[in-house]
Amino acid sequence: MRRIKKQIISAVFVICFICIVSLSAIAGVSDSVKITSWGNEVQKYAIDSIGENEAVMQSLTPTDDKIILPQIEINQAKDFYLSAGYSDTEAEETAFIYVKEINTLYQEALKNGYAVTDDEIAAHIEQMKLDFQVAENRDEIYEFISSFENEQAYWDFQFEMLRKDLPIQRYVADKEKEFIRGNDSSNSSIASNDAVYFDSVLEAQDEWVDQFEAMKDEAEEKYEYIVE
């Protein structure tokens, strides 16, 4: 179980943001991911909007004790891992871990003031569109987008994913920055372009991977999980 969690630790956002990173760099997931195959699988969640799913809507509500894990999210995650070459059993187990982590981090983000508005999501999407145009893997990005009915269908899908993912993204990014600032062992500053400083930051970033895992484990102990 620990090995599987390590495999997906840096893939926390991969299903929502499959196109942002190089497909060959997806967090320990096989680089044999088939873009078209995954795009075709996503269609079922785009046509039957995941944002209108009752369990998903319930999971977006702040909670102090019980977290809803929408079955539709587990199915979506499993489809991704199957496309990545996982066996059915591995895909099922990894998908459950992924969805549990996502929903836990989402609740933690809300508790720490990282809720987002529709306007913020829309603005983020506009920035994504600009980033995609200059991305090194833009051909892969647009190949994936082309698997949707049309480009707007893709962005509508992303909008629903970002309701949960954008608060997580902001929350985790700030926690990482806070950890690195507190664990930079050098006395150098970035302004000095000191190699010692950069080595120290890289070391702190490596330590953050373990810290992030511990943070998630601690958070998960506070909740009861219900699959619906």
C-alpha atoms as a PDB file:
ATOM      1  CA  MET A   1       0.000   0.000   0.000  1.00  0.00           C
ATOM      2  CA  ARG A   2       2.786   2.421   0.915  1.00  0.00           C
ATOM      3  CA  ARG A   3       4.509   1.710  -2.417  1.00  0.00           C
ATOM      4  CA  ILE A   4       1.348   2.539  -4.338  1.00  0.00           C
ATOM      5  CA  LYS A   5       0.856   5.771  -2.417  1.00  0.00           C
ATOM      6  CA  LYS A   6       4.439   6.753  -3.206  1.00  0.00           C
ATOM      7  CA  GLN A   7       3.804   6.077  -6.884  1.00  0.00           C
ATOM      8  CA  ILE A   8       0.913   8.514  -7.048  1.00  0.00           C
ATOM      9  CA  ILE A   9       2.073  11.165  -4.596  1.00  0.00           C
ATOM     10  CA  SER A  10       3.138  13.609  -7.305  1.00  0.00           C
ATOM     11  CA  ALA A  11       0.202  12.637  -9.477  1.00  0.00           C
ATOM     12  CA  VAL A  12      -2.320  14.303  -7.208  1.00  0.00           C
ATOM     13  CA  PHE A  13      -3.473  16.541 -10.025  1.00  0.00           C
ATOM     14  CA  VAL A  14      -2.799  14.325 -13.011  1.00  0.00           C
ATOM     15  CA  ILE A  15      -6.347  13.287 -13.805  1.00  0.00           C
ATOM     16  CA  CYS A  16      -7.662  16.829 -13.696  1.00  0.00           C
ATOM     17  CA  PHE A  17      -4.616  18.227 -15.497  1.00  0.00           C
ATOM     18  CA  ILE A  18      -3.548  15.413 -17.777  1.00  0.00           C
ATOM     19  CA  CYS A  19      -2.411  17.901 -20.401  1.00  0.00           C
ATOM     20  CA  ILE A  20      -0.382  20.303 -18.294  1.00  0.00           C
ATOM     21  CA  VAL A  21       2.644  18.076 -17.894  1.00  0.00           C
ATOM     22  CA  SER A  22       4.518  15.939 -20.338  1.00  0.00           C
ATOM     23  CA  LEU A  23       2.761  12.606 -20.545  1.00  0.00           C
ATOM     24  CA  SER A  24       6.086  10.849 -20.090  1.00  0.00           C
ATOM     25  CA  ALA A  25       6.563  12.549 -16.713  1.00  0.00           C
ATOM     26  CA  ILE A  26       3.340  11.528 -15.025  1.00  0.00           C
ATOM     27  CA  ALA A  27       4.369  10.642 -11.504  1.00  0.00           C
ATOM     28  CA  GLY A  28       5.534   7.099 -11.862  1.00  0.00           C
ATOM     29  CA  VAL A  29       2.645   6.208 -14.123  1.00  0.00           C
ATOM     30  CA  SER A  30       3.724   4.302 -17.212  1.00  0.00           C
ATOM     31  CA  ASP A  31       4.714   6.526 -20.133  1.00  0.00           C
ATOM     32  CA  SER A  32       2.623   4.228 -22.315  1.00  0.00           C
ATOM     33  CA  VAL A  33      -0.463   6.264 -21.490  1.00  0.00           C
ATOM     34  CA  LYS A  34      -2.562   6.412 -24.640  1.00  0.00           C
ATOM     35  CA  ILE A  35      -3.806   9.963 -25.157  1.00  0.00           C
ATOM     36  CA  THR A  36      -6.642   9.064 -27.485  1.00  0.00           C
ATOM     37  CA  SER A  37      -7.710   6.117 -25.351  1.00  0.00           C
ATOM     38  CA  TRP A  38      -7.879   8.249 -22.231  1.00  0.00           C
ATOM     39  CA  GLY A  39      -9.615  11.053 -24.096  1.00  0.00           C
ATOM     40  CA  ASN A  40     -12.277   8.665 -25.296  1.00  0.00           C
ATOM     41  CA  GLU A  41     -12.789   7.380 -21.760  1.00  0.00           C
ATOM     42  CA  VAL A  42     -13.187  10.926 -20.435  1.00  0.00           C
ATOM     43  CA  GLN A  43     -16.042  11.528 -22.881  1.00  0.00           C
ATOM     44  CA  LYS A  44     -18.507   9.648 -20.684  1.00  0.00           C
ATOM     45  CA  TYR A  45     -17.805  12.118 -17.873  1.00  0.00           C
ATOM     46  CA  ALA A  46     -18.025  15.125 -20.169  1.00  0.00           C
ATOM     47  CA  ILE A  47     -21.319  14.114 -21.776  1.00  0.00           C
ATOM     48  CA  ASP A  48     -22.929  13.126 -18.467  1.00  0.00           C
ATOM     49  CA  SER A  49     -21.509  16.062 -16.512  1.00  0.00           C
ATOM     50  CA  ILE A  50     -19.616  14.995 -13.437  1.00  0.00           C
ATOM     51  CA  GLY A  51     -20.549  18.362 -11.930  1.00  0.00           C
ATOM     52  CA  GLU A  52     -24.217  17.354 -11.893  1.00  0.00           C
ATOM     53  CA  ASN A  53     -23.575  14.102 -10.047  1.00  0.00           C
ATOM     54  CA  GLU A  54     -25.256  14.186  -6.624  1.00  0.00           C
ATOM     55  CA  ALA A  55     -22.351  12.548  -4.790  1.00  0.00           C
ATOM     56  CA  VAL A  56     -19.888  14.972  -6.380  1.00  0.00           C
ATOM     57  CA  MET A  57     -22.027  17.934  -5.319  1.00  0.00           C
ATOM     58  CA  GLN A  58     -22.163  16.558  -1.771  1.00  0.00           C
ATOM     59  CA  SER A  59     -18.385  16.096  -1.743  1.00  0.00           C
ATOM     60  CA  LEU A  60     -17.952  19.790  -2.548  1.00  0.00           C
ATOM     61  CA  THR A  61     -19.676  20.727   0.711  1.00  0.00           C
ATOM     62  CA  PRO A  62     -17.402  21.510   3.700  1.00  0.00           C
ATOM     63  CA  THR A  63     -17.365  18.788   6.347  1.00  0.00           C
ATOM     64  CA  ASP A  64     -15.694  18.178   9.700  1.00  0.00           C
ATOM     65  CA  ASP A  65     -15.971  14.421   9.954  1.00  0.00           C
ATOM     66  CA  LYS A  66     -17.378  12.447   7.007  1.00  0.00           C
ATOM     67  CA  ILE A  67     -16.053  12.716   3.458  1.00  0.00           C
ATOM     68  CA  ILE A  68     -18.021  11.498   0.459  1.00  0.00           C
ATOM     69  CA  LEU A  69     -15.914   9.658  -2.125  1.00  0.00           C
ATOM     70  CA  PRO A  70     -17.990   9.805  -5.322  1.00  0.00           C
ATOM     71  CA  GLN A  71     -18.019   6.493  -7.166  1.00  0.00           C
ATOM     72  CA  ILE A  72     -17.959   8.415 -10.435  1.00  0.00           C
ATOM     73  CA  GLU A  73     -14.586   9.927  -9.450  1.00  0.00           C
ATOM     74  CA  ILE A  74     -13.219   6.491  -8.582  1.00  0.00           C
ATOM     75  CA  ASN A  75     -14.443   5.170 -11.929  1.00  0.00           C
ATOM     76  CA  GLN A  76     -12.830   8.082 -13.750  1.00  0.00           C
ATOM     77  CA  ALA A  77      -9.533   7.576 -11.953  1.00  0.00           C
ATOM     78  CA  LYS A  78      -9.635   3.846 -12.603  1.00  0.00           C
ATOM     79  CA  ASP A  79     -10.156   4.470 -16.309  1.00  0.00           C
ATOM     80  CA  PHE A  80      -7.042   6.623 -16.326  1.00  0.00           C
ATOM     81  CA  TYR A  81      -4.892   4.031 -14.602  1.00  0.00           C
ATOM     82  CA  LEU A  82      -6.191   1.312 -16.913  1.00  0.00           C
ATOM     83  CA  SER A  83      -5.163   3.518 -19.847  1.00  0.00           C
ATOM     84  CA  ALA A  84      -1.757   3.822 -18.192  1.00  0.00           C
ATOM     85  CA  GLY A  85      -1.313   0.062 -18.288  1.00  0.00           C
ATOM     86  CA  TYR A  86      -2.314  -0.913 -14.751  1.00  0.00           C
ATOM     87  CA  SER A  87      -4.069  -4.216 -14.154  1.00  0.00           C
ATOM     88  CA  ASP A  88      -7.737  -4.031 -13.179  1.00  0.00           C
ATOM     89  CA  THR A  89      -6.938  -4.718  -9.518  1.00  0.00           C
ATOM     90  CA  GLU A  90      -4.078  -2.206  -9.408  1.00  0.00           C
ATOM     91  CA  ALA A  91      -6.176   0.429 -11.162  1.00  0.00           C
ATOM     92  CA  GLU A  92      -9.061  -0.051  -8.730  1.00  0.00           C
ATOM     93  CA  GLU A  93      -6.838   0.181  -5.655  1.00  0.00           C
ATOM     94  CA  THR A  94      -4.826   3.134  -6.916  1.00  0.00           C
ATOM     95  CA  ALA A  95      -7.962   4.975  -8.027  1.00  0.00           C
ATOM     96  CA  PHE A  96      -9.483   4.641  -4.563  1.00  0.00           C
ATOM     97  CA  ILE A  97      -6.299   5.981  -2.934  1.00  0.00           C
ATOM     98  CA  TYR A  98      -6.192   8.857  -5.412  1.00  0.00           C
ATOM     99  CA  VAL A  99      -9.812   9.895  -4.868  1.00  0.00           C
ATOM    100  CA  LYS A 100      -9.427   9.597  -1.102  1.00  0.00           C
ATOM    101  CA  GLU A 101      -6.391  11.878  -1.225  1.00  0.00           C
ATOM    102  CA  ILE A 102      -8.040  14.401  -3.527  1.00  0.00           C
ATOM    103  CA  ASN A 103     -11.143  14.735  -1.393  1.00  0.00           C
ATOM    104  CA  THR A 104      -9.161  14.893   1.835  1.00  0.00           C
ATOM    105  CA  LEU A 105      -6.913  17.620   0.464  1.00  0.00           C
ATOM    106  CA  TYR A 106      -9.958  19.484  -0.829  1.00  0.00           C
ATOM    107  CA  GLN A 107     -11.537  19.533   2.627  1.00  0.00           C
ATOM    108  CA  GLU A 108      -8.242  20.626   4.186  1.00  0.00           C
ATOM    109  CA  ALA A 109      -7.954  23.377   1.591  1.00  0.00           C
ATOM    110  CA  LEU A 110     -11.445  24.650   2.425  1.00  0.00           C
ATOM    111  CA  LYS A 111     -10.651  24.664   6.141  1.00  0.00           C
ATOM    112  CA  ASN A 112      -7.582  26.763   5.462  1.00  0.00           C
ATOM    113  CA  GLY A 113      -9.420  29.371   3.390  1.00  0.00           C
ATOM    114  CA  TYR A 114      -8.714  28.178  -0.139  1.00  0.00           C
ATOM    115  CA  ALA A 115     -12.259  28.085  -1.514  1.00  0.00           C
ATOM    116  CA  VAL A 116     -12.552  29.468  -5.063  1.00  0.00           C
ATOM    117  CA  THR A 117     -15.277  31.270  -6.961  1.00  0.00           C
ATOM    118  CA  ASP A 118     -16.574  30.554 -10.454  1.00  0.00           C
ATOM    119  CA  ASP A 119     -14.876  33.759 -11.626  1.00  0.00           C
ATOM    120  CA  GLU A 120     -11.531  32.540 -10.283  1.00  0.00           C
ATOM    121  CA  ILE A 121     -11.962  29.222 -12.059  1.00  0.00           C
ATOM    122  CA  ALA A 122     -12.847  31.001 -15.313  1.00  0.00           C
ATOM    123  CA  ALA A 123      -9.760  33.217 -14.999  1.00  0.00           C
ATOM    124  CA  HIS A 124      -7.589  30.174 -14.340  1.00  0.00           C
ATOM    125  CA  ILE A 125      -8.935  28.497 -17.454  1.00  0.00           C
ATOM    126  CA  GLU A 126      -8.102  31.545 -19.554  1.00  0.00           C
ATOM    127  CA  GLN A 127      -4.535  31.351 -18.263  1.00  0.00           C
ATOM    128  CA  MET A 128      -4.444  27.628 -19.040  1.00  0.00           C
ATOM    129  CA  LYS A 129      -5.434  28.388 -22.628  1.00  0.00           C
ATOM    130  CA  LEU A 130      -2.495  30.785 -22.939  1.00  0.00           C
ATOM    131  CA  ASP A 131      -0.108  28.317 -21.320  1.00  0.00           C
ATOM    132  CA  PHE A 132      -1.219  25.519 -23.626  1.00  0.00           C
ATOM    133  CA  GLN A 133      -0.361  27.607 -26.695  1.00  0.00           C
ATOM    134  CA  VAL A 134       3.312  27.800 -25.718  1.00  0.00           C
ATOM    135  CA  ALA A 135       3.680  24.451 -23.936  1.00  0.00           C
ATOM    136  CA  GLU A 136       6.386  22.122 -25.204  1.00  0.00           C
ATOM    137  CA  ASN A 137       3.836  19.302 -25.327  1.00  0.00           C
ATOM    138  CA  ARG A 138       1.112  21.395 -26.969  1.00  0.00           C
ATOM    139  CA  ASP A 139       0.681  18.832 -29.753  1.00  0.00           C
ATOM    140  CA  GLU A 140      -0.179  16.201 -27.136  1.00  0.00           C
ATOM    141  CA  ILE A 141      -2.470  18.670 -25.386  1.00  0.00           C
ATOM    142  CA  TYR A 142      -4.482  19.440 -28.494  1.00  0.00           C
ATOM    143  CA  GLU A 143      -4.557  15.784 -29.478  1.00  0.00           C
ATOM    144  CA  PHE A 144      -6.214  15.114 -26.138  1.00  0.00           C
ATOM    145  CA  ILE A 145      -8.619  18.053 -26.521  1.00  0.00           C
ATOM    146  CA  SER A 146      -9.576  16.831 -29.997  1.00  0.00           C
ATOM    147  CA  SER A 147     -10.932  13.629 -28.472  1.00  0.00           C
ATOM    148  CA  PHE A 148     -13.784  15.696 -27.014  1.00  0.00           C
ATOM    149  CA  GLU A 149     -16.910  16.590 -28.958  1.00  0.00           C
ATOM    150  CA  ASN A 150     -15.459  20.071 -29.358  1.00  0.00           C
ATOM    151  CA  GLU A 151     -12.975  22.325 -27.565  1.00  0.00           C
ATOM    152  CA  GLN A 152     -15.662  23.983 -25.452  1.00  0.00           C
ATOM    153  CA  ALA A 153     -16.710  20.561 -24.144  1.00  0.00           C
ATOM    154  CA  TYR A 154     -13.148  20.074 -22.951  1.00  0.00           C
ATOM    155  CA  TRP A 155     -13.085  23.413 -21.114  1.00  0.00           C
ATOM    156  CA  ASP A 156     -16.496  22.758 -19.588  1.00  0.00           C
ATOM    157  CA  PHE A 157     -15.097  19.480 -18.281  1.00  0.00           C
ATOM    158  CA  GLN A 158     -12.028  21.228 -16.884  1.00  0.00           C
ATOM    159  CA  PHE A 159     -14.239  23.823 -15.200  1.00  0.00           C
ATOM    160  CA  GLU A 160     -15.957  21.087 -13.188  1.00  0.00           C
ATOM    161  CA  MET A 161     -12.627  19.448 -12.317  1.00  0.00           C
ATOM    162  CA  LEU A 162     -11.211  22.761 -11.127  1.00  0.00           C
ATOM    163  CA  ARG A 163     -13.948  23.248  -8.552  1.00  0.00           C
ATOM    164  CA  LYS A 164     -12.080  20.750  -6.423  1.00  0.00           C
ATOM    165  CA  ASP A 165      -8.606  20.790  -7.915  1.00  0.00           C
ATOM    166  CA  LEU A 166      -7.831  24.513  -7.900  1.00  0.00           C
ATOM    167  CA  PRO A 167      -8.262  24.926  -4.132  1.00  0.00           C
ATOM    168  CA  ILE A 168      -6.033  21.867  -3.654  1.00  0.00           C
ATOM    169  CA  GLN A 169      -3.430  23.206  -6.052  1.00  0.00           C
ATOM    170  CA  ARG A 170      -3.203  26.528  -4.243  1.00  0.00           C
ATOM    171  CA  TYR A 171      -3.247  24.981  -0.783  1.00  0.00           C
ATOM    172  CA  VAL A 172      -0.523  22.425  -1.516  1.00  0.00           C
ATOM    173  CA  ALA A 173       1.655  24.987  -3.315  1.00  0.00           C
ATOM    174  CA  ASP A 174       1.576  27.283  -0.274  1.00  0.00           C
ATOM    175  CA  LYS A 175       2.262  24.406   2.134  1.00  0.00           C
ATOM    176  CA  GLU A 176       5.259  23.395   0.025  1.00  0.00           C
ATOM    177  CA  LYS A 177       6.624  26.944  -0.025  1.00  0.00           C
ATOM    178  CA  GLU A 178       6.158  27.180   3.740  1.00  0.00           C
ATOM    179  CA  PHE A 179       7.959  23.882   4.280  1.00  0.00           C
ATOM    180  CA  ILE A 180      10.877  24.794   2.013  1.00  0.00           C
ATOM    181  CA  ARG A 181      11.310  28.193   3.669  1.00  0.00           C
ATOM    182  CA  GLY A 182      11.387  26.518   7.068  1.00  0.00           C
ATOM    183  CA  ASN A 183      13.803  23.793   6.001  1.00  0.00           C
ATOM    184  CA  ASP A 184      16.334  25.681   3.876  1.00  0.00           C
ATOM    185  CA  SER A 185      19.534  24.770   5.721  1.00  0.00           C
ATOM    186  CA  SER A 186      21.664  27.420   4.007  1.00  0.00           C
ATOM    187  CA  ASN A 187      22.145  30.996   5.086  1.00  0.00           C
ATOM    188  CA  SER A 188      22.396  32.152   1.496  1.00  0.00           C
ATOM    189  CA  SER A 189      19.859  34.153  -0.448  1.00  0.00           C
ATOM    190  CA  ILE A 190      18.591  33.592  -3.944  1.00  0.00           C
ATOM    191  CA  ALA A 191      19.800  37.076  -4.845  1.00  0.00           C
ATOM    192  CA  SER A 192      23.386  35.926  -4.397  1.00  0.00           C
ATOM    193  CA  ASN A 193      22.917  33.170  -6.975  1.00  0.00           C
ATOM    194  CA  ASP A 194      24.693  30.964  -4.485  1.00  0.00           C
ATOM    195  CA  ALA A 195      24.933  27.309  -5.507  1.00  0.00           C
ATOM    196  CA  VAL A 196      24.735  26.355  -1.827  1.00  0.00           C
ATOM    197  CA  TYR A 197      21.325  28.007  -1.630  1.00  0.00           C
ATOM    198  CA  PHE A 198      19.962  26.142  -4.624  1.00  0.00           C
ATOM    199  CA  ASP A 199      21.341  22.824  -3.358  1.00  0.00           C
ATOM    200  CA  SER A 200      19.634  23.478  -0.031  1.00  0.00           C
ATOM    201  CA  VAL A 201      16.325  24.245  -1.718  1.00  0.00           C
ATOM    202  CA  LEU A 202      16.562  21.080  -3.816  1.00  0.00           C
ATOM    203  CA  GLU A 203      17.210  19.071  -0.673  1.00  0.00           C
ATOM    204  CA  ALA A 204      14.200  20.659   1.026  1.00  0.00           C
ATOM    205  CA  GLN A 205      12.067  19.878  -2.030  1.00  0.00           C
ATOM    206  CA  ASP A 206      13.062  16.218  -1.795  1.00  0.00           C
ATOM    207  CA  GLU A 207      12.162  16.228   1.903  1.00  0.00           C
ATOM    208  CA  TRP A 208       8.827  17.803   1.033  1.00  0.00           C
ATOM    209  CA  VAL A 209       7.774  14.626  -0.785  1.00  0.00           C
ATOM    210  CA  ASP A 210       7.909  12.701   2.481  1.00  0.00           C
ATOM    211  CA  GLN A 211       6.392  15.588   4.412  1.00  0.00           C
ATOM    212  CA  PHE A 212       3.494  15.792   1.959  1.00  0.00           C
ATOM    213  CA  GLU A 213       2.828  12.085   2.369  1.00  0.00           C
ATOM    214  CA  ALA A 214       2.857  12.448   6.163  1.00  0.00           C
ATOM    215  CA  MET A 215       0.566  15.477   5.940  1.00  0.00           C
ATOM    216  CA  LYS A 216      -1.987  13.516   3.938  1.00  0.00           C
ATOM    217  CA  ASP A 217      -1.816  10.512   6.273  1.00  0.00           C
ATOM    218  CA  GLU A 218      -2.402  12.745   9.292  1.00  0.00           C
ATOM    219  CA  ALA A 219      -5.329  14.485   7.617  1.00  0.00           C
ATOM    220  CA  GLU A 220      -6.950  11.195   6.608  1.00  0.00           C
ATOM    221  CA  GLU A 221      -7.037  10.072  10.237  1.00  0.00           C
ATOM    222  CA  LYS A 222      -9.535  12.833  11.002  1.00  0.00           C
ATOM    223  CA  TYR A 223     -12.256  11.648   8.645  1.00  0.00           C
ATOM    224  CA  GLU A 224     -14.627   8.811   7.954  1.00  0.00           C
ATOM    225  CA  TYR A 225     -14.992   7.938   4.263  1.00  0.00           C
ATOM    226  CA  ILE A 226     -18.188   6.950   2.487  1.00  0.00           C
ATOM    227  CA  VAL A 227     -18.275   5.800  -1.139  1.00  0.00           C
ATOM    228  CA  GLU A 228     -21.465   6.895  -2.908  1.00  0.00           C
END
